[in-house]
Amino acid sequence: MERGMEKGMERFGKLTLFLLDSKRYDALEKVSVDKEYREQLFSEYGL
């Protein structure tokens, strides 16, 4: 279970970097609270 949590944190960290690099600050705020949107962006960025 700990490994799964670590992997999830790594995935979210990568998404955060992609969004910051793209200056998508509104999306970054939204992924922190909206699970469906977060999953959509994981898919969009191949995570």
Protein backbone atom coordinates (compact mmCIF):
# COMPACT_ATOMS: atom_id res chain seq x y z
CA MET A 1 0.00 0.00 0.00
CA GLU A 2 2.83 2.43 0.81
CA ARG A 3 4.31 1.87 -2.66
CA GLY A 4 0.97 2.75 -4.27
CA MET A 5 0.79 5.97 -2.27
CA GLU A 6 4.34 6.85 -3.29
CA LYS A 7 3.56 6.19 -6.94
CA GLY A 8 0.43 8.36 -6.75
CA MET A 9 2.40 11.22 -5.20
CA GLU A 10 5.02 10.93 -7.94
CA ARG A 11 2.30 11.01 -10.60
CA PHE A 12 0.68 14.09 -9.06
CA GLY A 13 4.08 15.77 -8.77
CA LYS A 14 4.76 15.24 -12.48
CA LEU A 15 1.34 16.63 -13.37
CA THR A 16 2.03 19.66 -11.17
CA LEU A 17 5.30 20.33 -13.00
CA PHE A 18 3.64 20.01 -16.41
CA LEU A 19 0.92 22.44 -15.41
CA LEU A 20 3.38 24.95 -13.92
CA ASP A 21 5.59 24.77 -17.02
CA SER A 22 2.52 25.43 -19.16
CA LYS A 23 1.40 28.27 -16.87
CA ARG A 24 -1.92 26.48 -16.37
CA TYR A 25 -2.40 27.78 -12.85
CA ASP A 26 -6.19 27.53 -12.96
CA ALA A 27 -5.91 23.85 -13.91
CA LEU A 28 -3.44 23.24 -11.10
CA GLU A 29 -5.89 24.64 -8.59
CA LYS A 30 -8.74 22.57 -10.05
CA VAL A 31 -6.84 19.24 -10.03
CA SER A 32 -6.20 19.65 -6.33
CA VAL A 33 -9.95 19.40 -5.61
CA ASP A 34 -11.57 17.71 -8.63
CA LYS A 35 -10.74 14.01 -8.97
CA GLU A 36 -12.40 13.58 -12.39
CA TYR A 37 -10.53 16.55 -13.85
CA ARG A 38 -7.28 15.27 -12.32
CA GLU A 39 -7.79 11.88 -13.99
CA GLN A 40 -8.55 13.63 -17.29
CA LEU A 41 -5.27 15.53 -17.11
CA PHE A 42 -3.33 12.42 -16.09
CA SER A 43 -4.58 10.90 -19.31
CA GLU A 44 -3.88 14.04 -21.33
CA TYR A 45 -0.27 14.13 -20.16
CA GLY A 46 0.25 10.36 -20.41
CA LEU A 47 0.56 9.81 -16.69
